[in-house]
Amino acid sequence: MEEEHMKFNRLFSGMALAGVMTLSASAFAAMTPTSDFKVVGYFPSWQGSTDAVQYDKLTHINYAFLLPNADGTLKPLEGSHTLKALVQKAHAQNVKVGIAIGGWNGGMIVPLRHWPVTLSHGPPLSLT
């Protein structure tokens, strides 16, 4: 009797799991992004491989981080080859790439009065 009860529990659990998975898959499939829907990922400059990014799941990638100087200018980008590879691979999949400025450990607070002049008169920030 107990063996039949265990078989029933396994069968019922399996059916319940299959039902939940089916409902989850249906709900996920119904979430087709509209043209104005954005899926943004972050790519950390200090680790990771551009080959590991699931570009087909994203519309935008923010490369983290470009660090500011105290005067509002930006420090030279270390490892620009990684950013260039990211941009090339992302654009091949119609994914836009931006750069996050400031960082949790290297981002100093820069007065906003420096930004309009620096960004409008400084070198272009885009590699695209």
N, C-alpha and C. Protein backbone atom coordinates (compact mmCIF):
# COMPACT_ATOMS: atom_id res chain seq x y z
N MET A 1 0.82 -1.19 0.00
CA MET A 1 0.00 0.00 0.00
C MET A 1 0.87 1.27 0.00
N GLU A 2 1.92 1.26 0.84
CA GLU A 2 2.79 2.42 0.92
C GLU A 2 3.55 2.63 -0.39
N GLU A 3 3.91 1.54 -1.05
CA GLU A 3 4.60 1.64 -2.34
C GLU A 3 3.71 2.29 -3.39
N GLU A 4 2.43 1.96 -3.41
CA GLU A 4 1.50 2.59 -4.35
C GLU A 4 1.35 4.07 -4.04
N HIS A 5 1.33 4.39 -2.76
CA HIS A 5 1.22 5.79 -2.34
C HIS A 5 2.43 6.59 -2.82
N MET A 6 3.63 6.01 -2.72
CA MET A 6 4.84 6.68 -3.19
C MET A 6 4.83 6.85 -4.70
N LYS A 7 4.35 5.83 -5.42
CA LYS A 7 4.25 5.93 -6.88
C LYS A 7 3.30 7.05 -7.26
N PHE A 8 2.16 7.12 -6.55
CA PHE A 8 1.18 8.17 -6.83
C PHE A 8 1.79 9.55 -6.58
N ASN A 9 2.51 9.69 -5.46
CA ASN A 9 3.15 10.97 -5.14
C ASN A 9 4.16 11.37 -6.22
N ARG A 10 4.96 10.42 -6.68
CA ARG A 10 5.93 10.72 -7.74
C ARG A 10 5.23 11.13 -9.03
N LEU A 11 4.19 10.39 -9.38
CA LEU A 11 3.44 10.69 -10.60
C LEU A 11 2.80 12.07 -10.50
N PHE A 12 2.16 12.34 -9.36
CA PHE A 12 1.50 13.63 -9.16
C PHE A 12 2.52 14.76 -9.18
N SER A 13 3.66 14.57 -8.50
CA SER A 13 4.71 15.59 -8.48
C SER A 13 5.25 15.86 -9.88
N GLY A 14 5.46 14.80 -10.64
CA GLY A 14 5.94 14.95 -12.02
C GLY A 14 4.95 15.70 -12.89
N MET A 15 3.66 15.38 -12.74
CA MET A 15 2.63 16.07 -13.53
C MET A 15 2.55 17.54 -13.12
N ALA A 16 2.63 17.81 -11.82
CA ALA A 16 2.58 19.19 -11.35
C ALA A 16 3.77 19.99 -11.88
N LEU A 17 4.95 19.40 -11.83
CA LEU A 17 6.15 20.06 -12.34
C LEU A 17 6.03 20.33 -13.84
N ALA A 18 5.54 19.35 -14.58
CA ALA A 18 5.35 19.54 -16.03
C ALA A 18 4.36 20.66 -16.30
N GLY A 19 3.30 20.73 -15.51
CA GLY A 19 2.31 21.79 -15.68
C GLY A 19 2.90 23.17 -15.41
N VAL A 20 3.66 23.29 -14.34
CA VAL A 20 4.29 24.57 -14.01
C VAL A 20 5.27 24.97 -15.10
N MET A 21 6.06 24.03 -15.58
CA MET A 21 7.03 24.34 -16.63
C MET A 21 6.33 24.77 -17.91
N THR A 22 5.23 24.13 -18.25
CA THR A 22 4.47 24.50 -19.44
C THR A 22 3.91 25.91 -19.31
N LEU A 23 3.33 26.22 -18.14
CA LEU A 23 2.79 27.55 -17.92
C LEU A 23 3.89 28.60 -17.95
N SER A 24 5.03 28.29 -17.36
CA SER A 24 6.15 29.24 -17.36
C SER A 24 6.65 29.49 -18.77
N ALA A 25 6.78 28.43 -19.55
CA ALA A 25 7.25 28.57 -20.94
C ALA A 25 6.26 29.39 -21.75
N SER A 26 4.96 29.16 -21.54
CA SER A 26 3.94 29.91 -22.26
C SER A 26 3.99 31.38 -21.89
N ALA A 27 4.14 31.66 -20.61
CA ALA A 27 4.20 33.05 -20.16
C ALA A 27 5.44 33.74 -20.72
N PHE A 28 6.58 33.04 -20.74
CA PHE A 28 7.81 33.62 -21.27
C PHE A 28 7.68 33.88 -22.77
N ALA A 29 7.09 32.94 -23.49
CA ALA A 29 6.92 33.10 -24.93
C ALA A 29 5.99 34.26 -25.25
N ALA A 30 5.02 34.52 -24.36
CA ALA A 30 4.08 35.61 -24.59
C ALA A 30 4.72 36.97 -24.35
N MET A 31 5.89 37.01 -23.74
CA MET A 31 6.57 38.26 -23.44
C MET A 31 7.46 38.69 -24.60
N THR A 32 6.95 38.73 -25.78
CA THR A 32 7.71 39.17 -26.94
C THR A 32 7.94 40.67 -26.83
N PRO A 33 9.18 41.10 -26.81
CA PRO A 33 9.44 42.53 -26.65
C PRO A 33 8.90 43.33 -27.83
N THR A 34 8.34 44.49 -27.51
CA THR A 34 7.92 45.41 -28.56
C THR A 34 9.15 46.20 -29.00
N SER A 35 9.00 46.97 -30.04
CA SER A 35 10.15 47.70 -30.57
C SER A 35 10.69 48.73 -29.57
N ASP A 36 9.86 49.20 -28.64
CA ASP A 36 10.35 50.18 -27.67
C ASP A 36 10.78 49.53 -26.35
N PHE A 37 10.72 48.23 -26.26
CA PHE A 37 11.12 47.50 -25.05
C PHE A 37 12.63 47.34 -25.06
N LYS A 38 13.28 47.68 -23.95
CA LYS A 38 14.74 47.61 -23.87
C LYS A 38 15.16 46.54 -22.87
N VAL A 39 16.13 45.74 -23.25
CA VAL A 39 16.75 44.77 -22.35
C VAL A 39 18.22 45.15 -22.29
N VAL A 40 18.64 45.67 -21.13
CA VAL A 40 19.98 46.23 -20.97
C VAL A 40 20.81 45.34 -20.06
N GLY A 41 22.02 45.03 -20.51
CA GLY A 41 22.96 44.27 -19.70
C GLY A 41 24.20 45.11 -19.44
N TYR A 42 24.92 44.75 -18.40
CA TYR A 42 26.19 45.41 -18.09
C TYR A 42 27.33 44.46 -18.39
N PHE A 43 28.39 45.00 -18.98
CA PHE A 43 29.60 44.22 -19.21
C PHE A 43 30.70 44.86 -18.37
N PRO A 44 31.21 44.16 -17.35
CA PRO A 44 32.26 44.73 -16.50
C PRO A 44 33.61 44.71 -17.21
N SER A 45 34.29 45.85 -17.19
CA SER A 45 35.57 45.96 -17.89
C SER A 45 36.66 45.11 -17.26
N TRP A 46 36.50 44.75 -16.01
CA TRP A 46 37.56 44.04 -15.29
C TRP A 46 37.47 42.53 -15.38
N GLN A 47 36.42 41.99 -15.96
CA GLN A 47 36.32 40.53 -16.08
C GLN A 47 35.31 40.17 -17.17
N GLY A 48 35.35 38.93 -17.57
CA GLY A 48 34.37 38.45 -18.54
C GLY A 48 34.94 38.36 -19.94
N SER A 49 34.23 37.63 -20.75
CA SER A 49 34.62 37.44 -22.15
C SER A 49 33.49 37.93 -23.05
N THR A 50 33.86 38.62 -24.11
CA THR A 50 32.84 39.09 -25.05
C THR A 50 32.16 37.92 -25.75
N ASP A 51 32.80 36.75 -25.74
CA ASP A 51 32.19 35.56 -26.34
C ASP A 51 31.08 34.98 -25.47
N ALA A 52 31.07 35.31 -24.19
CA ALA A 52 30.08 34.75 -23.26
C ALA A 52 28.78 35.54 -23.22
N VAL A 53 28.74 36.70 -23.86
CA VAL A 53 27.54 37.54 -23.82
C VAL A 53 26.46 36.94 -24.72
N GLN A 54 25.24 36.91 -24.21
CA GLN A 54 24.10 36.42 -25.00
C GLN A 54 23.47 37.61 -25.72
N TYR A 55 24.09 38.01 -26.80
CA TYR A 55 23.67 39.19 -27.54
C TYR A 55 22.23 39.09 -28.02
N ASP A 56 21.79 37.90 -28.34
CA ASP A 56 20.43 37.73 -28.86
C ASP A 56 19.36 37.99 -27.81
N LYS A 57 19.74 38.14 -26.55
CA LYS A 57 18.79 38.41 -25.47
C LYS A 57 18.75 39.88 -25.10
N LEU A 58 19.60 40.70 -25.70
CA LEU A 58 19.76 42.10 -25.30
C LEU A 58 19.45 43.07 -26.43
N THR A 59 19.05 44.27 -26.04
CA THR A 59 18.93 45.37 -27.00
C THR A 59 20.06 46.38 -26.80
N HIS A 60 20.57 46.44 -25.57
CA HIS A 60 21.62 47.40 -25.21
C HIS A 60 22.59 46.75 -24.23
N ILE A 61 23.85 47.19 -24.29
CA ILE A 61 24.86 46.78 -23.31
C ILE A 61 25.56 48.04 -22.81
N ASN A 62 25.69 48.16 -21.49
CA ASN A 62 26.48 49.23 -20.89
C ASN A 62 27.82 48.66 -20.48
N TYR A 63 28.88 49.24 -21.02
CA TYR A 63 30.24 48.84 -20.66
C TYR A 63 30.61 49.62 -19.40
N ALA A 64 31.03 48.91 -18.37
CA ALA A 64 31.32 49.56 -17.09
C ALA A 64 32.80 49.41 -16.76
N PHE A 65 33.48 50.41 -16.54
CA PHE A 65 33.18 51.81 -16.37
C PHE A 65 34.25 52.64 -17.03
N LEU A 66 33.90 53.84 -17.42
CA LEU A 66 34.86 54.86 -17.81
C LEU A 66 34.93 55.80 -16.62
N LEU A 67 36.13 56.10 -16.14
CA LEU A 67 36.28 56.84 -14.88
C LEU A 67 36.58 58.31 -15.11
N PRO A 68 35.94 59.18 -14.32
CA PRO A 68 36.18 60.63 -14.46
C PRO A 68 37.37 61.10 -13.64
N ASN A 69 37.97 62.18 -14.11
CA ASN A 69 38.97 62.90 -13.33
C ASN A 69 38.24 63.97 -12.53
N ALA A 70 38.92 64.58 -11.58
CA ALA A 70 38.30 65.60 -10.73
C ALA A 70 37.82 66.81 -11.52
N ASP A 71 38.46 67.11 -12.66
CA ASP A 71 38.08 68.28 -13.45
C ASP A 71 36.96 67.99 -14.45
N GLY A 72 36.45 66.77 -14.44
CA GLY A 72 35.35 66.43 -15.33
C GLY A 72 35.78 65.75 -16.62
N THR A 73 37.07 65.72 -16.89
CA THR A 73 37.54 64.97 -18.06
C THR A 73 37.51 63.48 -17.72
N LEU A 74 37.75 62.67 -18.70
CA LEU A 74 37.69 61.23 -18.49
C LEU A 74 39.07 60.61 -18.61
N LYS A 75 39.34 59.64 -17.75
CA LYS A 75 40.62 58.93 -17.78
C LYS A 75 40.68 58.07 -19.04
N PRO A 76 41.88 57.85 -19.57
CA PRO A 76 42.01 56.96 -20.73
C PRO A 76 41.45 55.57 -20.41
N LEU A 77 40.84 54.98 -21.37
CA LEU A 77 40.22 53.67 -21.20
C LEU A 77 41.28 52.59 -21.23
N GLU A 78 41.34 51.80 -20.17
CA GLU A 78 42.25 50.65 -20.13
C GLU A 78 41.57 49.47 -20.81
N GLY A 79 42.30 48.72 -21.57
CA GLY A 79 41.72 47.54 -22.22
C GLY A 79 40.72 47.89 -23.30
N SER A 80 41.03 48.89 -24.09
CA SER A 80 40.09 49.31 -25.13
C SER A 80 39.83 48.21 -26.16
N HIS A 81 40.74 47.25 -26.28
CA HIS A 81 40.53 46.15 -27.23
C HIS A 81 39.29 45.33 -26.84
N THR A 82 39.02 45.22 -25.54
CA THR A 82 37.84 44.48 -25.09
C THR A 82 36.57 45.23 -25.48
N LEU A 83 36.58 46.54 -25.27
CA LEU A 83 35.42 47.36 -25.65
C LEU A 83 35.20 47.31 -27.16
N LYS A 84 36.27 47.39 -27.93
CA LYS A 84 36.13 47.33 -29.39
C LYS A 84 35.55 45.99 -29.83
N ALA A 85 35.99 44.90 -29.22
CA ALA A 85 35.44 43.58 -29.55
C ALA A 85 33.97 43.49 -29.16
N LEU A 86 33.63 44.05 -28.00
CA LEU A 86 32.24 44.05 -27.55
C LEU A 86 31.35 44.82 -28.53
N VAL A 87 31.81 45.99 -28.94
CA VAL A 87 31.04 46.81 -29.89
C VAL A 87 30.86 46.07 -31.21
N GLN A 88 31.93 45.48 -31.72
CA GLN A 88 31.85 44.76 -33.00
C GLN A 88 30.85 43.61 -32.93
N LYS A 89 30.94 42.80 -31.88
CA LYS A 89 30.04 41.64 -31.75
C LYS A 89 28.61 42.07 -31.48
N ALA A 90 28.44 43.11 -30.67
CA ALA A 90 27.09 43.60 -30.37
C ALA A 90 26.43 44.17 -31.61
N HIS A 91 27.15 44.99 -32.35
CA HIS A 91 26.57 45.60 -33.55
C HIS A 91 26.22 44.55 -34.61
N ALA A 92 26.97 43.48 -34.65
CA ALA A 92 26.66 42.40 -35.59
C ALA A 92 25.30 41.77 -35.28
N GLN A 93 24.84 41.93 -34.03
CA GLN A 93 23.54 41.39 -33.61
C GLN A 93 22.52 42.52 -33.37
N ASN A 94 22.81 43.72 -33.90
CA ASN A 94 21.94 44.88 -33.74
C ASN A 94 21.72 45.29 -32.28
N VAL A 95 22.75 45.15 -31.47
CA VAL A 95 22.70 45.54 -30.07
C VAL A 95 23.53 46.82 -29.92
N LYS A 96 22.95 47.83 -29.26
CA LYS A 96 23.66 49.09 -29.04
C LYS A 96 24.54 48.98 -27.80
N VAL A 97 25.67 49.71 -27.83
CA VAL A 97 26.61 49.69 -26.71
C VAL A 97 26.81 51.12 -26.21
N GLY A 98 26.72 51.28 -24.90
CA GLY A 98 26.99 52.56 -24.24
C GLY A 98 28.07 52.36 -23.21
N ILE A 99 28.52 53.46 -22.63
CA ILE A 99 29.54 53.38 -21.59
C ILE A 99 29.00 54.02 -20.32
N ALA A 100 29.08 53.29 -19.22
CA ALA A 100 28.71 53.82 -17.92
C ALA A 100 29.91 54.60 -17.37
N ILE A 101 29.66 55.81 -16.92
CA ILE A 101 30.73 56.66 -16.42
C ILE A 101 30.68 56.69 -14.90
N GLY A 102 31.84 56.48 -14.29
CA GLY A 102 31.93 56.42 -12.84
C GLY A 102 31.87 54.97 -12.42
N GLY A 103 32.42 54.66 -11.30
CA GLY A 103 32.41 53.28 -10.86
C GLY A 103 32.38 53.20 -9.36
N TRP A 104 31.99 52.07 -8.87
CA TRP A 104 31.82 51.92 -7.43
C TRP A 104 33.12 52.14 -6.67
N ASN A 105 34.25 51.77 -7.24
CA ASN A 105 35.50 51.94 -6.50
C ASN A 105 36.38 53.04 -7.07
N GLY A 106 36.15 53.46 -8.28
CA GLY A 106 37.00 54.47 -8.88
C GLY A 106 36.24 55.72 -9.25
N GLY A 107 34.95 55.70 -9.05
CA GLY A 107 34.14 56.84 -9.45
C GLY A 107 34.12 57.91 -8.39
N MET A 108 34.75 59.02 -8.70
CA MET A 108 34.72 60.12 -7.75
C MET A 108 33.55 61.02 -8.12
N ILE A 109 33.12 61.80 -7.19
CA ILE A 109 32.03 62.73 -7.46
C ILE A 109 32.61 63.93 -8.19
N VAL A 110 32.09 64.16 -9.38
CA VAL A 110 32.56 65.28 -10.19
C VAL A 110 31.42 66.28 -10.28
N PRO A 111 31.69 67.55 -9.95
CA PRO A 111 30.62 68.54 -10.04
C PRO A 111 30.01 68.57 -11.44
N LEU A 112 28.70 68.65 -11.48
CA LEU A 112 28.00 68.63 -12.77
C LEU A 112 28.38 69.80 -13.66
N ARG A 113 28.84 70.90 -13.08
CA ARG A 113 29.18 72.06 -13.91
C ARG A 113 30.30 71.74 -14.90
N HIS A 114 31.10 70.69 -14.64
CA HIS A 114 32.19 70.32 -15.54
C HIS A 114 31.70 69.53 -16.76
N TRP A 115 30.60 68.83 -16.63
CA TRP A 115 30.20 67.90 -17.68
C TRP A 115 29.77 68.53 -19.00
N PRO A 116 28.92 69.56 -19.02
CA PRO A 116 28.50 70.07 -20.34
C PRO A 116 29.68 70.52 -21.20
N VAL A 117 30.66 71.21 -20.60
CA VAL A 117 31.81 71.69 -21.36
C VAL A 117 32.67 70.51 -21.81
N THR A 118 32.96 69.61 -20.90
CA THR A 118 33.83 68.48 -21.21
C THR A 118 33.22 67.60 -22.29
N LEU A 119 31.95 67.28 -22.15
CA LEU A 119 31.34 66.37 -23.11
C LEU A 119 31.08 67.03 -24.45
N SER A 120 30.84 68.34 -24.46
CA SER A 120 30.57 68.97 -25.75
C SER A 120 31.85 69.38 -26.47
N HIS A 121 32.95 69.60 -25.73
CA HIS A 121 34.18 70.04 -26.37
C HIS A 121 35.30 69.01 -26.32
N GLY A 122 35.07 67.92 -25.62
CA GLY A 122 36.10 66.89 -25.50
C GLY A 122 36.08 65.94 -26.68
N PRO A 123 36.92 64.95 -26.61
CA PRO A 123 36.96 63.96 -27.70
C PRO A 123 35.69 63.13 -27.72
N PRO A 124 35.33 62.58 -28.87
CA PRO A 124 34.12 61.76 -28.94
C PRO A 124 34.25 60.55 -28.02
N LEU A 125 33.15 60.20 -27.36
CA LEU A 125 33.16 59.07 -26.45
C LEU A 125 32.74 57.78 -27.15
N SER A 126 32.23 57.89 -28.34
CA SER A 126 31.68 56.72 -29.02
C SER A 126 32.71 56.04 -29.90
N LEU A 127 32.70 54.73 -29.87
CA LEU A 127 33.55 53.97 -30.78
C LEU A 127 32.76 53.52 -32.01
N THR A 128 31.51 53.97 -32.08
CA THR A 128 30.65 53.52 -33.18
C THR A 128 30.67 54.49 -34.33
